[in-house]
Structure formats: C-alpha cells, structure tokens
Amino acid sequence: MNLELTPYLAEQKPDVPMCHFGDMCFHNTTDCKFNHWYVLDGRKKLKKAFSKQQKFVKIESDILDIKNGKKLIWADEC
C-alpha cells in the first residue's frame, strides 16, 4: 500500500525532544507537548496502514505453515 504522508508532516518545535511514543502517540498537540514526525491524523493513517500490513503478513505466514505441514486445521479433518 502506498500511503502519502507528506501533507501530514508536523512542524518541529525547536529545543523540544521527540515524543517517547513516536508515531504510536495518539495525543493531539494540546495533550502532548513533544515533537512528532506527523500530526495526529497522519499518525492514525500510519497505524491503520501498518495494522493492515501486519494482518496480511500473519495470514501469509499461517498459509505457508499449513502448506509446509507445520500447522493443521482440525476443522478440515472432520
């Protein structure tokens, strides 16, 4: 998935450290006073895209394990 996040880049405040939670921080600028790479909407889009990718990787891994005999779907055996 190609996700364009350029419009969501956050302005970096001078002499303010980066947020410890990074792109996983879901506070807005009034709740979290630290710097972030993206504004809140961009961080939400990034998390949504990442979670979709993780689900896809998990499904591919499960299919490969079944094909290689490492997993067995017991419902198919009945």
PDB file of N, CA and C in Angstrom:
ATOM      1  N   MET A   1       0.854  -1.176   0.000  1.00  0.00           N
ATOM      2  CA  MET A   1       0.000   0.000   0.000  1.00  0.00           C
ATOM      3  C   MET A   1       0.896   1.233   0.000  1.00  0.00           C
ATOM      4  N   ASN A   2       0.637   2.134  -0.893  1.00  0.00           N
ATOM      5  CA  ASN A   2       1.399   3.370  -0.959  1.00  0.00           C
ATOM      6  C   ASN A   2       0.623   4.459  -0.228  1.00  0.00           C
ATOM      7  N   LEU A   3       1.171   4.906   0.882  1.00  0.00           N
ATOM      8  CA  LEU A   3       0.484   5.895   1.708  1.00  0.00           C
ATOM      9  C   LEU A   3       1.279   7.186   1.688  1.00  0.00           C
ATOM     10  N   GLU A   4       0.691   8.247   1.177  1.00  0.00           N
ATOM     11  CA  GLU A   4       1.365   9.534   1.071  1.00  0.00           C
ATOM     12  C   GLU A   4       1.107  10.333   2.352  1.00  0.00           C
ATOM     13  N   LEU A   5       2.159  10.541   3.143  1.00  0.00           N
ATOM     14  CA  LEU A   5       2.011  11.238   4.418  1.00  0.00           C
ATOM     15  C   LEU A   5       2.597  12.650   4.410  1.00  0.00           C
ATOM     16  N   THR A   6       3.067  13.114   3.264  1.00  0.00           N
ATOM     17  CA  THR A   6       3.683  14.433   3.197  1.00  0.00           C
ATOM     18  C   THR A   6       2.766  15.552   3.713  1.00  0.00           C
ATOM     19  N   PRO A   7       1.465  15.553   3.397  1.00  0.00           N
ATOM     20  CA  PRO A   7       0.613  16.630   3.920  1.00  0.00           C
ATOM     21  C   PRO A   7       0.446  16.585   5.439  1.00  0.00           C
ATOM     22  N   TYR A   8       0.830  15.473   6.060  1.00  0.00           N
ATOM     23  CA  TYR A   8       0.634  15.314   7.492  1.00  0.00           C
ATOM     24  C   TYR A   8       1.900  15.559   8.310  1.00  0.00           C
ATOM     25  N   LEU A   9       2.975  16.017   7.671  1.00  0.00           N
ATOM     26  CA  LEU A   9       4.208  16.288   8.407  1.00  0.00           C
ATOM     27  C   LEU A   9       3.971  17.365   9.458  1.00  0.00           C
ATOM     28  N   ALA A  10       4.491  17.126  10.639  1.00  0.00           N
ATOM     29  CA  ALA A  10       4.319  18.076  11.740  1.00  0.00           C
ATOM     30  C   ALA A  10       5.469  19.066  11.760  1.00  0.00           C
ATOM     31  N   GLU A  11       5.171  20.248  12.235  1.00  0.00           N
ATOM     32  CA  GLU A  11       6.212  21.264  12.392  1.00  0.00           C
ATOM     33  C   GLU A  11       7.002  20.941  13.660  1.00  0.00           C
ATOM     34  N   GLN A  12       8.310  20.878  13.530  1.00  0.00           N
ATOM     35  CA  GLN A  12       9.172  20.556  14.665  1.00  0.00           C
ATOM     36  C   GLN A  12       9.429  21.812  15.495  1.00  0.00           C
ATOM     37  N   LYS A  13       9.138  21.719  16.798  1.00  0.00           N
ATOM     38  CA  LYS A  13       9.375  22.842  17.711  1.00  0.00           C
ATOM     39  C   LYS A  13      10.834  22.813  18.151  1.00  0.00           C
ATOM     40  N   PRO A  14      11.537  23.949  18.081  1.00  0.00           N
ATOM     41  CA  PRO A  14      12.946  23.966  18.479  1.00  0.00           C
ATOM     42  C   PRO A  14      13.105  23.701  19.975  1.00  0.00           C
ATOM     43  N   ASP A  15      14.179  23.000  20.314  1.00  0.00           N
ATOM     44  CA  ASP A  15      14.532  22.696  21.708  1.00  0.00           C
ATOM     45  C   ASP A  15      13.490  21.847  22.431  1.00  0.00           C
ATOM     46  N   VAL A  16      12.685  21.103  21.679  1.00  0.00           N
ATOM     47  CA  VAL A  16      11.706  20.197  22.270  1.00  0.00           C
ATOM     48  C   VAL A  16      12.056  18.790  21.804  1.00  0.00           C
ATOM     49  N   PRO A  17      12.175  17.829  22.744  1.00  0.00           N
ATOM     50  CA  PRO A  17      12.540  16.465  22.330  1.00  0.00           C
ATOM     51  C   PRO A  17      11.398  15.762  21.601  1.00  0.00           C
ATOM     52  N   MET A  18      11.761  14.679  20.922  1.00  0.00           N
ATOM     53  CA  MET A  18      10.751  13.867  20.245  1.00  0.00           C
ATOM     54  C   MET A  18       9.951  13.093  21.294  1.00  0.00           C
ATOM     55  N   CYS A  19       8.719  12.807  21.000  1.00  0.00           N
ATOM     56  CA  CYS A  19       7.834  12.058  21.893  1.00  0.00           C
ATOM     57  C   CYS A  19       8.385  10.644  22.094  1.00  0.00           C
ATOM     58  N   HIS A  20       8.312  10.157  23.303  1.00  0.00           N
ATOM     59  CA  HIS A  20       8.801   8.816  23.620  1.00  0.00           C
ATOM     60  C   HIS A  20       7.983   7.737  22.907  1.00  0.00           C
ATOM     61  N   PHE A  21       6.725   8.012  22.615  1.00  0.00           N
ATOM     62  CA  PHE A  21       5.865   7.044  21.956  1.00  0.00           C
ATOM     63  C   PHE A  21       5.959   7.118  20.434  1.00  0.00           C
ATOM     64  N   GLY A  22       6.605   8.135  19.926  1.00  0.00           N
ATOM     65  CA  GLY A  22       6.805   8.267  18.482  1.00  0.00           C
ATOM     66  C   GLY A  22       5.502   8.324  17.712  1.00  0.00           C
ATOM     67  N   ASP A  23       5.418   7.541  16.639  1.00  0.00           N
ATOM     68  CA  ASP A  23       4.222   7.550  15.795  1.00  0.00           C
ATOM     69  C   ASP A  23       3.060   6.775  16.413  1.00  0.00           C
ATOM     70  N   MET A  24       3.278   6.150  17.549  1.00  0.00           N
ATOM     71  CA  MET A  24       2.194   5.442  18.227  1.00  0.00           C
ATOM     72  C   MET A  24       1.453   6.352  19.217  1.00  0.00           C
ATOM     73  N   CYS A  25       1.916   7.590  19.379  1.00  0.00           N
ATOM     74  CA  CYS A  25       1.271   8.552  20.275  1.00  0.00           C
ATOM     75  C   CYS A  25      -0.034   9.036  19.630  1.00  0.00           C
ATOM     76  N   PHE A  26      -1.114   8.989  20.386  1.00  0.00           N
ATOM     77  CA  PHE A  26      -2.396   9.425  19.841  1.00  0.00           C
ATOM     78  C   PHE A  26      -2.958  10.631  20.570  1.00  0.00           C
ATOM     79  N   HIS A  27      -2.062  11.422  21.124  1.00  0.00           N
ATOM     80  CA  HIS A  27      -2.485  12.674  21.737  1.00  0.00           C
ATOM     81  C   HIS A  27      -2.360  13.799  20.715  1.00  0.00           C
ATOM     82  N   ASN A  28      -3.205  14.788  20.853  1.00  0.00           N
ATOM     83  CA  ASN A  28      -3.085  15.950  19.961  1.00  0.00           C
ATOM     84  C   ASN A  28      -2.050  16.920  20.541  1.00  0.00           C
ATOM     85  N   THR A  29      -1.847  18.023  19.874  1.00  0.00           N
ATOM     86  CA  THR A  29      -0.791  18.952  20.278  1.00  0.00           C
ATOM     87  C   THR A  29      -1.052  19.594  21.635  1.00  0.00           C
ATOM     88  N   THR A  30      -2.289  19.663  22.064  1.00  0.00           N
ATOM     89  CA  THR A  30      -2.554  20.251  23.383  1.00  0.00           C
ATOM     90  C   THR A  30      -2.283  19.254  24.506  1.00  0.00           C
ATOM     91  N   ASP A  31      -2.392  17.949  24.226  1.00  0.00           N
ATOM     92  CA  ASP A  31      -2.174  16.928  25.262  1.00  0.00           C
ATOM     93  C   ASP A  31      -0.714  16.472  25.348  1.00  0.00           C
ATOM     94  N   CYS A  32      -0.014  16.441  24.225  1.00  0.00           N
ATOM     95  CA  CYS A  32       1.381  16.010  24.192  1.00  0.00           C
ATOM     96  C   CYS A  32       2.235  17.169  23.679  1.00  0.00           C
ATOM     97  N   LYS A  33       3.097  17.647  24.520  1.00  0.00           N
ATOM     98  CA  LYS A  33       3.903  18.834  24.191  1.00  0.00           C
ATOM     99  C   LYS A  33       5.189  18.485  23.444  1.00  0.00           C
ATOM    100  N   PHE A  34       5.432  17.202  23.138  1.00  0.00           N
ATOM    101  CA  PHE A  34       6.662  16.793  22.476  1.00  0.00           C
ATOM    102  C   PHE A  34       6.515  16.853  20.953  1.00  0.00           C
ATOM    103  N   ASN A  35       7.632  16.764  20.251  1.00  0.00           N
ATOM    104  CA  ASN A  35       7.632  16.753  18.785  1.00  0.00           C
ATOM    105  C   ASN A  35       7.237  15.379  18.254  1.00  0.00           C
ATOM    106  N   HIS A  36       6.560  15.394  17.118  1.00  0.00           N
ATOM    107  CA  HIS A  36       6.191  14.177  16.395  1.00  0.00           C
ATOM    108  C   HIS A  36       6.548  14.383  14.929  1.00  0.00           C
ATOM    109  N   TRP A  37       6.752  13.284  14.211  1.00  0.00           N
ATOM    110  CA  TRP A  37       7.039  13.395  12.779  1.00  0.00           C
ATOM    111  C   TRP A  37       5.794  13.793  12.009  1.00  0.00           C
ATOM    112  N   TYR A  38       4.622  13.322  12.472  1.00  0.00           N
ATOM    113  CA  TYR A  38       3.362  13.584  11.769  1.00  0.00           C
ATOM    114  C   TYR A  38       2.333  14.136  12.744  1.00  0.00           C
ATOM    115  N   VAL A  39       1.393  14.913  12.216  1.00  0.00           N
ATOM    116  CA  VAL A  39       0.265  15.380  13.025  1.00  0.00           C
ATOM    117  C   VAL A  39      -0.605  14.178  13.354  1.00  0.00           C
ATOM    118  N   LEU A  40      -1.570  14.369  14.234  1.00  0.00           N
ATOM    119  CA  LEU A  40      -2.384  13.257  14.733  1.00  0.00           C
ATOM    120  C   LEU A  40      -3.063  12.474  13.609  1.00  0.00           C
ATOM    121  N   ASP A  41      -3.642  13.140  12.619  1.00  0.00           N
ATOM    122  CA  ASP A  41      -4.312  12.439  11.518  1.00  0.00           C
ATOM    123  C   ASP A  41      -3.324  11.573  10.733  1.00  0.00           C
ATOM    124  N   GLY A  42      -2.113  12.044  10.544  1.00  0.00           N
ATOM    125  CA  GLY A  42      -1.096  11.266   9.845  1.00  0.00           C
ATOM    126  C   GLY A  42      -0.680  10.043  10.636  1.00  0.00           C
ATOM    127  N   ARG A  43      -0.556  10.183  11.963  1.00  0.00           N
ATOM    128  CA  ARG A  43      -0.203   9.039  12.808  1.00  0.00           C
ATOM    129  C   ARG A  43      -1.308   7.991  12.795  1.00  0.00           C
ATOM    130  N   LYS A  44      -2.568   8.443  12.734  1.00  0.00           N
ATOM    131  CA  LYS A  44      -3.682   7.490  12.657  1.00  0.00           C
ATOM    132  C   LYS A  44      -3.657   6.725  11.338  1.00  0.00           C
ATOM    133  N   LYS A  45      -3.397   7.419  10.233  1.00  0.00           N
ATOM    134  CA  LYS A  45      -3.314   6.768   8.926  1.00  0.00           C
ATOM    135  C   LYS A  45      -2.160   5.764   8.890  1.00  0.00           C
ATOM    136  N   LEU A  46      -1.039   6.145   9.474  1.00  0.00           N
ATOM    137  CA  LEU A  46       0.124   5.275   9.516  1.00  0.00           C
ATOM    138  C   LEU A  46      -0.168   4.009  10.317  1.00  0.00           C
ATOM    139  N   LYS A  47      -0.818   4.144  11.466  1.00  0.00           N
ATOM    140  CA  LYS A  47      -1.150   2.985  12.290  1.00  0.00           C
ATOM    141  C   LYS A  47      -2.137   2.074  11.564  1.00  0.00           C
ATOM    142  N   LYS A  48      -3.110   2.658  10.896  1.00  0.00           N
ATOM    143  CA  LYS A  48      -4.103   1.864  10.171  1.00  0.00           C
ATOM    144  C   LYS A  48      -3.440   1.069   9.050  1.00  0.00           C
ATOM    145  N   ALA A  49      -2.546   1.703   8.307  1.00  0.00           N
ATOM    146  CA  ALA A  49      -1.838   1.014   7.218  1.00  0.00           C
ATOM    147  C   ALA A  49      -0.935  -0.080   7.766  1.00  0.00           C
ATOM    148  N   PHE A  50      -0.260   0.195   8.886  1.00  0.00           N
ATOM    149  CA  PHE A  50       0.639  -0.786   9.477  1.00  0.00           C
ATOM    150  C   PHE A  50      -0.130  -1.992   9.987  1.00  0.00           C
ATOM    151  N   SER A  51      -1.283  -1.778  10.624  1.00  0.00           N
ATOM    152  CA  SER A  51      -2.049  -2.902  11.158  1.00  0.00           C
ATOM    153  C   SER A  51      -2.610  -3.766  10.029  1.00  0.00           C
ATOM    154  N   LYS A  52      -2.998  -3.153   8.905  1.00  0.00           N
ATOM    155  CA  LYS A  52      -3.456  -3.942   7.753  1.00  0.00           C
ATOM    156  C   LYS A  52      -2.321  -4.793   7.210  1.00  0.00           C
ATOM    157  N   GLN A  53      -1.119  -4.216   7.147  1.00  0.00           N
ATOM    158  CA  GLN A  53       0.039  -4.957   6.640  1.00  0.00           C
ATOM    159  C   GLN A  53       0.374  -6.115   7.574  1.00  0.00           C
ATOM    160  N   GLN A  54       0.306  -5.891   8.895  1.00  0.00           N
ATOM    161  CA  GLN A  54       0.618  -6.940   9.852  1.00  0.00           C
ATOM    162  C   GLN A  54      -0.370  -8.099   9.731  1.00  0.00           C
ATOM    163  N   LYS A  55      -1.656  -7.796   9.528  1.00  0.00           N
ATOM    164  CA  LYS A  55      -2.667  -8.844   9.360  1.00  0.00           C
ATOM    165  C   LYS A  55      -2.376  -9.654   8.109  1.00  0.00           C
ATOM    166  N   PHE A  56      -1.987  -8.988   7.021  1.00  0.00           N
ATOM    167  CA  PHE A  56      -1.676  -9.668   5.772  1.00  0.00           C
ATOM    168  C   PHE A  56      -0.469 -10.585   5.946  1.00  0.00           C
ATOM    169  N   VAL A  57       0.571 -10.110   6.640  1.00  0.00           N
ATOM    170  CA  VAL A  57       1.770 -10.924   6.881  1.00  0.00           C
ATOM    171  C   VAL A  57       1.417 -12.142   7.732  1.00  0.00           C
ATOM    172  N   LYS A  58       0.559 -11.972   8.729  1.00  0.00           N
ATOM    173  CA  LYS A  58       0.144 -13.083   9.591  1.00  0.00           C
ATOM    174  C   LYS A  58      -0.612 -14.126   8.782  1.00  0.00           C
ATOM    175  N   ILE A  59      -1.509 -13.710   7.918  1.00  0.00           N
ATOM    176  CA  ILE A  59      -2.277 -14.648   7.093  1.00  0.00           C
ATOM    177  C   ILE A  59      -1.345 -15.402   6.153  1.00  0.00           C
ATOM    178  N   GLU A  60      -0.406 -14.691   5.517  1.00  0.00           N
ATOM    179  CA  GLU A  60       0.554 -15.358   4.637  1.00  0.00           C
ATOM    180  C   GLU A  60       1.385 -16.376   5.403  1.00  0.00           C
ATOM    181  N   SER A  61       1.799 -16.039   6.608  1.00  0.00           N
ATOM    182  CA  SER A  61       2.591 -16.938   7.443  1.00  0.00           C
ATOM    183  C   SER A  61       1.796 -18.183   7.807  1.00  0.00           C
ATOM    184  N   ASP A  62       0.519 -18.002   8.167  1.00  0.00           N
ATOM    185  CA  ASP A  62      -0.331 -19.144   8.504  1.00  0.00           C
ATOM    186  C   ASP A  62      -0.528 -20.068   7.304  1.00  0.00           C
ATOM    187  N   ILE A  63      -0.745 -19.513   6.136  1.00  0.00           N
ATOM    188  CA  ILE A  63      -0.928 -20.319   4.918  1.00  0.00           C
ATOM    189  C   ILE A  63       0.341 -21.110   4.619  1.00  0.00           C
ATOM    190  N   LEU A  64       1.492 -20.466   4.747  1.00  0.00           N
ATOM    191  CA  LEU A  64       2.761 -21.145   4.500  1.00  0.00           C
ATOM    192  C   LEU A  64       2.981 -22.277   5.502  1.00  0.00           C
ATOM    193  N   ASP A  65       2.640 -22.054   6.780  1.00  0.00           N
ATOM    194  CA  ASP A  65       2.778 -23.098   7.793  1.00  0.00           C
ATOM    195  C   ASP A  65       1.874 -24.289   7.489  1.00  0.00           C
ATOM    196  N   ILE A  66       0.659 -24.031   7.017  1.00  0.00           N
ATOM    197  CA  ILE A  66      -0.267 -25.118   6.678  1.00  0.00           C
ATOM    198  C   ILE A  66       0.257 -25.903   5.485  1.00  0.00           C
ATOM    199  N   LYS A  67       0.754 -25.187   4.466  1.00  0.00           N
ATOM    200  CA  LYS A  67       1.304 -25.861   3.285  1.00  0.00           C
ATOM    201  C   LYS A  67       2.519 -26.721   3.627  1.00  0.00           C
ATOM    202  N   ASN A  68       3.332 -26.257   4.575  1.00  0.00           N
ATOM    203  CA  ASN A  68       4.538 -26.984   4.953  1.00  0.00           C
ATOM    204  C   ASN A  68       4.299 -28.035   6.033  1.00  0.00           C
ATOM    205  N   GLY A  69       3.059 -28.196   6.440  1.00  0.00           N
ATOM    206  CA  GLY A  69       2.725 -29.208   7.436  1.00  0.00           C
ATOM    207  C   GLY A  69       3.065 -28.828   8.857  1.00  0.00           C
ATOM    208  N   LYS A  70       3.354 -27.570   9.107  1.00  0.00           N
ATOM    209  CA  LYS A  70       3.666 -27.131  10.469  1.00  0.00           C
ATOM    210  C   LYS A  70       2.409 -26.864  11.284  1.00  0.00           C
ATOM    211  N   LYS A  71       1.321 -26.632  10.596  1.00  0.00           N
ATOM    212  CA  LYS A  71       0.020 -26.406  11.256  1.00  0.00           C
ATOM    213  C   LYS A  71      -1.007 -27.285  10.600  1.00  0.00           C
ATOM    214  N   LEU A  72      -1.997 -27.648  11.362  1.00  0.00           N
ATOM    215  CA  LEU A  72      -3.084 -28.462  10.838  1.00  0.00           C
ATOM    216  C   LEU A  72      -4.399 -27.820  11.249  1.00  0.00           C
ATOM    217  N   ILE A  73      -5.279 -27.655  10.330  1.00  0.00           N
ATOM    218  CA  ILE A  73      -6.600 -27.104  10.624  1.00  0.00           C
ATOM    219  C   ILE A  73      -7.508 -28.285  10.936  1.00  0.00           C
ATOM    220  N   TRP A  74      -7.789 -28.468  12.209  1.00  0.00           N
ATOM    221  CA  TRP A  74      -8.553 -29.642  12.635  1.00  0.00           C
ATOM    222  C   TRP A  74      -9.962 -29.647  12.084  1.00  0.00           C
ATOM    223  N   ALA A  75     -10.544 -28.504  11.830  1.00  0.00           N
ATOM    224  CA  ALA A  75     -11.897 -28.446  11.268  1.00  0.00           C
ATOM    225  C   ALA A  75     -11.949 -29.068   9.873  1.00  0.00           C
ATOM    226  N   ASP A  76     -10.847 -28.993   9.130  1.00  0.00           N
ATOM    227  CA  ASP A  76     -10.796 -29.589   7.799  1.00  0.00           C
ATOM    228  C   ASP A  76     -10.645 -31.105   7.842  1.00  0.00           C
ATOM    229  N   GLU A  77     -10.241 -31.643   8.985  1.00  0.00           N
ATOM    230  CA  GLU A  77     -10.006 -33.066   9.105  1.00  0.00           C
ATOM    231  C   GLU A  77     -11.252 -33.851   9.495  1.00  0.00           C
ATOM    232  N   CYS A  78     -12.307 -33.173   9.867  1.00  0.00           N
ATOM    233  CA  CYS A  78     -13.541 -33.852  10.315  1.00  0.00           C
ATOM    234  C   CYS A  78     -14.431 -34.211   9.151  1.00  0.00           C
TER     235      CYS A  78
END
